[in-house]
Amino acid sequence: MNKPFIHPTSVVDDSAVVTKSVPDYALVAGNPSRQIGWISHNSHRLEFDSEGKAQCPESGIRYRLINNQVYAE
């Protein structure tokens, strides 16, 4: 059985029980853990528009959501 991998750009709640790999920029919580959103490099929640675009309010970095994966532009 493979161990779950937590990407370094992810944020995991301290009470979460991770049973699956956590993708880049994902925010997970719960037991078992569930993804509850997306976060920026600066740990701000990302709100994607209908075109799959979001921007960090602190750094101004833009992000794209494509096929349930987030990419920094």
PDB file of N, CA and C in Angstrom:
ATOM      1  N   MET A   1       0.840  -1.180   0.000  1.00  0.00           N
ATOM      2  CA  MET A   1       0.000   0.000   0.000  1.00  0.00           C
ATOM      3  C   MET A   1       0.890   1.250   0.000  1.00  0.00           C
ATOM      4  N   ASN A   2       0.575   2.188  -0.904  1.00  0.00           N
ATOM      5  CA  ASN A   2       1.352   3.422  -0.999  1.00  0.00           C
ATOM      6  C   ASN A   2       0.963   4.392   0.104  1.00  0.00           C
ATOM      7  N   LYS A   3       1.959   5.101   0.609  1.00  0.00           N
ATOM      8  CA  LYS A   3       1.698   6.127   1.619  1.00  0.00           C
ATOM      9  C   LYS A   3       1.202   7.383   0.924  1.00  0.00           C
ATOM     10  N   PRO A   4       0.276   8.119   1.557  1.00  0.00           N
ATOM     11  CA  PRO A   4      -0.172   9.375   0.946  1.00  0.00           C
ATOM     12  C   PRO A   4       0.965  10.388   0.895  1.00  0.00           C
ATOM     13  N   PHE A   5       0.968  11.188  -0.162  1.00  0.00           N
ATOM     14  CA  PHE A   5       1.971  12.239  -0.326  1.00  0.00           C
ATOM     15  C   PHE A   5       1.288  13.580  -0.120  1.00  0.00           C
ATOM     16  N   ILE A   6       1.872  14.425   0.713  1.00  0.00           N
ATOM     17  CA  ILE A   6       1.336  15.762   0.954  1.00  0.00           C
ATOM     18  C   ILE A   6       2.272  16.753   0.283  1.00  0.00           C
ATOM     19  N   HIS A   7       1.775  17.443  -0.738  1.00  0.00           N
ATOM     20  CA  HIS A   7       2.592  18.414  -1.456  1.00  0.00           C
ATOM     21  C   HIS A   7       2.980  19.561  -0.538  1.00  0.00           C
ATOM     22  N   PRO A   8       4.173  20.085  -0.703  1.00  0.00           N
ATOM     23  CA  PRO A   8       4.643  21.157   0.184  1.00  0.00           C
ATOM     24  C   PRO A   8       3.838  22.446   0.093  1.00  0.00           C
ATOM     25  N   THR A   9       3.080  22.647  -0.977  1.00  0.00           N
ATOM     26  CA  THR A   9       2.252  23.850  -1.090  1.00  0.00           C
ATOM     27  C   THR A   9       0.848  23.638  -0.540  1.00  0.00           C
ATOM     28  N   SER A  10       0.589  22.488   0.055  1.00  0.00           N
ATOM     29  CA  SER A  10      -0.719  22.187   0.627  1.00  0.00           C
ATOM     30  C   SER A  10      -0.772  22.618   2.082  1.00  0.00           C
ATOM     31  N   VAL A  11      -1.996  22.750   2.594  1.00  0.00           N
ATOM     32  CA  VAL A  11      -2.194  23.028   4.014  1.00  0.00           C
ATOM     33  C   VAL A  11      -3.130  21.952   4.559  1.00  0.00           C
ATOM     34  N   VAL A  12      -2.681  21.291   5.631  1.00  0.00           N
ATOM     35  CA  VAL A  12      -3.455  20.224   6.262  1.00  0.00           C
ATOM     36  C   VAL A  12      -3.793  20.662   7.678  1.00  0.00           C
ATOM     37  N   ASP A  13      -5.083  20.648   8.008  1.00  0.00           N
ATOM     38  CA  ASP A  13      -5.534  20.984   9.357  1.00  0.00           C
ATOM     39  C   ASP A  13      -4.860  20.051  10.360  1.00  0.00           C
ATOM     40  N   ASP A  14      -4.523  20.573  11.535  1.00  0.00           N
ATOM     41  CA  ASP A  14      -3.770  19.770  12.506  1.00  0.00           C
ATOM     42  C   ASP A  14      -4.550  18.573  13.034  1.00  0.00           C
ATOM     43  N   SER A  15      -5.876  18.547  12.876  1.00  0.00           N
ATOM     44  CA  SER A  15      -6.657  17.391  13.335  1.00  0.00           C
ATOM     45  C   SER A  15      -7.037  16.457  12.187  1.00  0.00           C
ATOM     46  N   ALA A  16      -6.578  16.746  10.981  1.00  0.00           N
ATOM     47  CA  ALA A  16      -6.942  15.932   9.813  1.00  0.00           C
ATOM     48  C   ALA A  16      -6.223  14.589   9.844  1.00  0.00           C
ATOM     49  N   VAL A  17      -6.920  13.564   9.378  1.00  0.00           N
ATOM     50  CA  VAL A  17      -6.340  12.238   9.214  1.00  0.00           C
ATOM     51  C   VAL A  17      -6.228  12.004   7.712  1.00  0.00           C
ATOM     52  N   VAL A  18      -5.007  12.110   7.201  1.00  0.00           N
ATOM     53  CA  VAL A  18      -4.772  12.030   5.764  1.00  0.00           C
ATOM     54  C   VAL A  18      -4.646  10.576   5.342  1.00  0.00           C
ATOM     55  N   THR A  19      -5.535  10.150   4.415  1.00  0.00           N
ATOM     56  CA  THR A  19      -5.523   8.777   3.915  1.00  0.00           C
ATOM     57  C   THR A  19      -5.225   8.704   2.427  1.00  0.00           C
ATOM     58  N   LYS A  20      -5.271   9.866   1.743  1.00  0.00           N
ATOM     59  CA  LYS A  20      -4.984   9.943   0.308  1.00  0.00           C
ATOM     60  C   LYS A  20      -4.002  11.087   0.082  1.00  0.00           C
ATOM     61  N   SER A  21      -3.321  11.049  -1.048  1.00  0.00           N
ATOM     62  CA  SER A  21      -2.397  12.128  -1.381  1.00  0.00           C
ATOM     63  C   SER A  21      -3.144  13.452  -1.494  1.00  0.00           C
ATOM     64  N   VAL A  22      -2.449  14.521  -1.117  1.00  0.00           N
ATOM     65  CA  VAL A  22      -3.031  15.863  -1.116  1.00  0.00           C
ATOM     66  C   VAL A  22      -2.374  16.661  -2.236  1.00  0.00           C
ATOM     67  N   PRO A  23      -3.172  17.192  -3.186  1.00  0.00           N
ATOM     68  CA  PRO A  23      -2.585  17.910  -4.319  1.00  0.00           C
ATOM     69  C   PRO A  23      -2.018  19.278  -3.942  1.00  0.00           C
ATOM     70  N   ASP A  24      -1.222  19.842  -4.849  1.00  0.00           N
ATOM     71  CA  ASP A  24      -0.675  21.194  -4.675  1.00  0.00           C
ATOM     72  C   ASP A  24      -1.781  22.191  -4.383  1.00  0.00           C
ATOM     73  N   TYR A  25      -1.520  23.098  -3.454  1.00  0.00           N
ATOM     74  CA  TYR A  25      -2.394  24.211  -3.094  1.00  0.00           C
ATOM     75  C   TYR A  25      -3.728  23.790  -2.481  1.00  0.00           C
ATOM     76  N   ALA A  26      -3.874  22.531  -2.113  1.00  0.00           N
ATOM     77  CA  ALA A  26      -5.130  22.070  -1.519  1.00  0.00           C
ATOM     78  C   ALA A  26      -5.171  22.395  -0.024  1.00  0.00           C
ATOM     79  N   LEU A  27      -6.365  22.629   0.480  1.00  0.00           N
ATOM     80  CA  LEU A  27      -6.622  22.831   1.903  1.00  0.00           C
ATOM     81  C   LEU A  27      -7.501  21.675   2.340  1.00  0.00           C
ATOM     82  N   VAL A  28      -7.014  20.848   3.283  1.00  0.00           N
ATOM     83  CA  VAL A  28      -7.762  19.674   3.716  1.00  0.00           C
ATOM     84  C   VAL A  28      -7.974  19.693   5.225  1.00  0.00           C
ATOM     85  N   ALA A  29      -9.079  19.081   5.640  1.00  0.00           N
ATOM     86  CA  ALA A  29      -9.424  18.992   7.062  1.00  0.00           C
ATOM     87  C   ALA A  29     -10.344  17.797   7.260  1.00  0.00           C
ATOM     88  N   GLY A  30     -10.476  17.362   8.502  1.00  0.00           N
ATOM     89  CA  GLY A  30     -11.442  16.319   8.852  1.00  0.00           C
ATOM     90  C   GLY A  30     -10.836  14.952   9.058  1.00  0.00           C
ATOM     91  N   ASN A  31     -11.708  14.025   9.446  1.00  0.00           N
ATOM     92  CA  ASN A  31     -11.332  12.639   9.701  1.00  0.00           C
ATOM     93  C   ASN A  31     -12.380  11.732   9.063  1.00  0.00           C
ATOM     94  N   PRO A  32     -12.057  11.103   7.917  1.00  0.00           N
ATOM     95  CA  PRO A  32     -10.824  11.239   7.138  1.00  0.00           C
ATOM     96  C   PRO A  32     -10.777  12.606   6.468  1.00  0.00           C
ATOM     97  N   SER A  33      -9.595  13.022   6.065  1.00  0.00           N
ATOM     98  CA  SER A  33      -9.441  14.368   5.498  1.00  0.00           C
ATOM     99  C   SER A  33     -10.203  14.496   4.187  1.00  0.00           C
ATOM    100  N   ARG A  34     -10.737  15.709   3.999  1.00  0.00           N
ATOM    101  CA  ARG A  34     -11.428  16.066   2.764  1.00  0.00           C
ATOM    102  C   ARG A  34     -10.919  17.429   2.324  1.00  0.00           C
ATOM    103  N   GLN A  35     -10.861  17.615   1.038  1.00  0.00           N
ATOM    104  CA  GLN A  35     -10.448  18.917   0.537  1.00  0.00           C
ATOM    105  C   GLN A  35     -11.595  19.897   0.736  1.00  0.00           C
ATOM    106  N   ILE A  36     -11.267  21.045   1.358  1.00  0.00           N
ATOM    107  CA  ILE A  36     -12.296  22.053   1.620  1.00  0.00           C
ATOM    108  C   ILE A  36     -12.024  23.347   0.865  1.00  0.00           C
ATOM    109  N   GLY A  37     -10.958  23.383   0.084  1.00  0.00           N
ATOM    110  CA  GLY A  37     -10.662  24.575  -0.697  1.00  0.00           C
ATOM    111  C   GLY A  37      -9.263  24.558  -1.255  1.00  0.00           C
ATOM    112  N   TRP A  38      -8.877  25.721  -1.749  1.00  0.00           N
ATOM    113  CA  TRP A  38      -7.547  25.925  -2.326  1.00  0.00           C
ATOM    114  C   TRP A  38      -6.897  27.105  -1.639  1.00  0.00           C
ATOM    115  N   ILE A  39      -5.567  27.102  -1.549  1.00  0.00           N
ATOM    116  CA  ILE A  39      -4.837  28.181  -0.887  1.00  0.00           C
ATOM    117  C   ILE A  39      -3.668  28.640  -1.765  1.00  0.00           C
ATOM    118  N   SER A  40      -3.239  29.871  -1.526  1.00  0.00           N
ATOM    119  CA  SER A  40      -2.100  30.431  -2.266  1.00  0.00           C
ATOM    120  C   SER A  40      -0.796  30.111  -1.534  1.00  0.00           C
ATOM    121  N   HIS A  41       0.328  30.531  -2.117  1.00  0.00           N
ATOM    122  CA  HIS A  41       1.630  30.379  -1.458  1.00  0.00           C
ATOM    123  C   HIS A  41       1.640  31.057  -0.097  1.00  0.00           C
ATOM    124  N   ASN A  42       0.853  32.115   0.055  1.00  0.00           N
ATOM    125  CA  ASN A  42       0.804  32.873   1.301  1.00  0.00           C
ATOM    126  C   ASN A  42      -0.325  32.407   2.213  1.00  0.00           C
ATOM    127  N   SER A  43      -0.900  31.260   1.908  1.00  0.00           N
ATOM    128  CA  SER A  43      -1.970  30.626   2.713  1.00  0.00           C
ATOM    129  C   SER A  43      -3.275  31.423   2.748  1.00  0.00           C
ATOM    130  N   HIS A  44      -3.567  32.155   1.683  1.00  0.00           N
ATOM    131  CA  HIS A  44      -4.863  32.815   1.540  1.00  0.00           C
ATOM    132  C   HIS A  44      -5.787  31.900   0.756  1.00  0.00           C
ATOM    133  N   ARG A  45      -7.065  31.872   1.150  1.00  0.00           N
ATOM    134  CA  ARG A  45      -8.036  31.077   0.393  1.00  0.00           C
ATOM    135  C   ARG A  45      -8.156  31.640  -1.015  1.00  0.00           C
ATOM    136  N   LEU A  46      -8.184  30.748  -1.989  1.00  0.00           N
ATOM    137  CA  LEU A  46      -8.345  31.154  -3.382  1.00  0.00           C
ATOM    138  C   LEU A  46      -9.791  30.930  -3.798  1.00  0.00           C
ATOM    139  N   GLU A  47     -10.389  31.953  -4.389  1.00  0.00           N
ATOM    140  CA  GLU A  47     -11.748  31.871  -4.913  1.00  0.00           C
ATOM    141  C   GLU A  47     -11.657  31.974  -6.429  1.00  0.00           C
ATOM    142  N   PHE A  48     -11.933  30.879  -7.113  1.00  0.00           N
ATOM    143  CA  PHE A  48     -11.806  30.836  -8.565  1.00  0.00           C
ATOM    144  C   PHE A  48     -13.083  31.336  -9.234  1.00  0.00           C
ATOM    145  N   ASP A  49     -12.894  32.098 -10.328  1.00  0.00           N
ATOM    146  CA  ASP A  49     -14.043  32.581 -11.085  1.00  0.00           C
ATOM    147  C   ASP A  49     -14.496  31.499 -12.071  1.00  0.00           C
ATOM    148  N   SER A  50     -15.470  31.827 -12.899  1.00  0.00           N
ATOM    149  CA  SER A  50     -16.028  30.840 -13.836  1.00  0.00           C
ATOM    150  C   SER A  50     -15.021  30.399 -14.887  1.00  0.00           C
ATOM    151  N   GLU A  51     -13.947  31.160 -15.071  1.00  0.00           N
ATOM    152  CA  GLU A  51     -12.901  30.793 -16.026  1.00  0.00           C
ATOM    153  C   GLU A  51     -11.758  30.036 -15.353  1.00  0.00           C
ATOM    154  N   GLY A  52     -11.883  29.752 -14.057  1.00  0.00           N
ATOM    155  CA  GLY A  52     -10.845  29.022 -13.341  1.00  0.00           C
ATOM    156  C   GLY A  52      -9.655  29.866 -12.967  1.00  0.00           C
ATOM    157  N   LYS A  53      -9.862  31.180 -12.771  1.00  0.00           N
ATOM    158  CA  LYS A  53      -8.767  32.084 -12.424  1.00  0.00           C
ATOM    159  C   LYS A  53      -8.970  32.632 -11.013  1.00  0.00           C
ATOM    160  N   ALA A  54      -7.850  32.802 -10.302  1.00  0.00           N
ATOM    161  CA  ALA A  54      -7.867  33.403  -8.962  1.00  0.00           C
ATOM    162  C   ALA A  54      -6.563  34.161  -8.767  1.00  0.00           C
ATOM    163  N   GLN A  55      -6.557  35.072  -7.783  1.00  0.00           N
ATOM    164  CA  GLN A  55      -5.364  35.853  -7.499  1.00  0.00           C
ATOM    165  C   GLN A  55      -5.197  35.983  -5.993  1.00  0.00           C
ATOM    166  N   CYS A  56      -3.960  35.804  -5.527  1.00  0.00           N
ATOM    167  CA  CYS A  56      -3.650  35.976  -4.112  1.00  0.00           C
ATOM    168  C   CYS A  56      -3.747  37.463  -3.767  1.00  0.00           C
ATOM    169  N   PRO A  57      -4.519  37.819  -2.724  1.00  0.00           N
ATOM    170  CA  PRO A  57      -4.655  39.226  -2.375  1.00  0.00           C
ATOM    171  C   PRO A  57      -3.375  39.837  -1.804  1.00  0.00           C
ATOM    172  N   GLU A  58      -2.479  39.027  -1.299  1.00  0.00           N
ATOM    173  CA  GLU A  58      -1.246  39.546  -0.703  1.00  0.00           C
ATOM    174  C   GLU A  58      -0.122  39.695  -1.727  1.00  0.00           C
ATOM    175  N   SER A  59       0.135  38.631  -2.467  1.00  0.00           N
ATOM    176  CA  SER A  59       1.289  38.640  -3.379  1.00  0.00           C
ATOM    177  C   SER A  59       0.928  39.071  -4.796  1.00  0.00           C
ATOM    178  N   GLY A  60      -0.341  38.935  -5.159  1.00  0.00           N
ATOM    179  CA  GLY A  60      -0.752  39.237  -6.528  1.00  0.00           C
ATOM    180  C   GLY A  60      -0.508  38.103  -7.496  1.00  0.00           C
ATOM    181  N   ILE A  61       0.041  36.984  -7.011  1.00  0.00           N
ATOM    182  CA  ILE A  61       0.272  35.832  -7.883  1.00  0.00           C
ATOM    183  C   ILE A  61      -1.075  35.324  -8.386  1.00  0.00           C
ATOM    184  N   ARG A  62      -1.126  35.007  -9.680  1.00  0.00           N
ATOM    185  CA  ARG A  62      -2.352  34.495 -10.290  1.00  0.00           C
ATOM    186  C   ARG A  62      -2.277  32.977 -10.385  1.00  0.00           C
ATOM    187  N   TYR A  63      -3.438  32.356 -10.236  1.00  0.00           N
ATOM    188  CA  TYR A  63      -3.550  30.900 -10.249  1.00  0.00           C
ATOM    189  C   TYR A  63      -4.618  30.487 -11.239  1.00  0.00           C
ATOM    190  N   ARG A  64      -4.434  29.270 -11.794  1.00  0.00           N
ATOM    191  CA  ARG A  64      -5.411  28.687 -12.706  1.00  0.00           C
ATOM    192  C   ARG A  64      -5.829  27.325 -12.159  1.00  0.00           C
ATOM    193  N   LEU A  65      -7.113  27.035 -12.233  1.00  0.00           N
ATOM    194  CA  LEU A  65      -7.658  25.732 -11.850  1.00  0.00           C
ATOM    195  C   LEU A  65      -8.018  25.002 -13.134  1.00  0.00           C
ATOM    196  N   ILE A  66      -7.279  23.922 -13.409  1.00  0.00           N
ATOM    197  CA  ILE A  66      -7.482  23.135 -14.626  1.00  0.00           C
ATOM    198  C   ILE A  66      -7.585  21.673 -14.233  1.00  0.00           C
ATOM    199  N   ASN A  67      -8.725  21.050 -14.531  1.00  0.00           N
ATOM    200  CA  ASN A  67      -8.952  19.622 -14.236  1.00  0.00           C
ATOM    201  C   ASN A  67      -8.628  19.292 -12.780  1.00  0.00           C
ATOM    202  N   ASN A  68      -9.132  20.121 -11.872  1.00  0.00           N
ATOM    203  CA  ASN A  68      -8.968  19.934 -10.425  1.00  0.00           C
ATOM    204  C   ASN A  68      -7.505  19.986  -9.961  1.00  0.00           C
ATOM    205  N   GLN A  69      -6.679  20.702 -10.711  1.00  0.00           N
ATOM    206  CA  GLN A  69      -5.291  20.964 -10.330  1.00  0.00           C
ATOM    207  C   GLN A  69      -5.064  22.467 -10.414  1.00  0.00           C
ATOM    208  N   VAL A  70      -4.320  23.012  -9.448  1.00  0.00           N
ATOM    209  CA  VAL A  70      -4.036  24.450  -9.421  1.00  0.00           C
ATOM    210  C   VAL A  70      -2.602  24.682  -9.874  1.00  0.00           C
ATOM    211  N   TYR A  71      -2.434  25.693 -10.720  1.00  0.00           N
ATOM    212  CA  TYR A  71      -1.128  26.063 -11.245  1.00  0.00           C
ATOM    213  C   TYR A  71      -0.906  27.559 -11.005  1.00  0.00           C
ATOM    214  N   ALA A  72       0.262  27.926 -10.506  1.00  0.00           N
ATOM    215  CA  ALA A  72       0.632  29.329 -10.384  1.00  0.00           C
ATOM    216  C   ALA A  72       1.114  29.803 -11.745  1.00  0.00           C
ATOM    217  N   GLU A  73       0.702  31.015 -12.096  1.00  0.00           N
ATOM    218  CA  GLU A  73       1.115  31.560 -13.400  1.00  0.00           C
ATOM    219  C   GLU A  73       2.327  32.450 -13.251  1.00  0.00           C
TER     220      GLU A  73
END
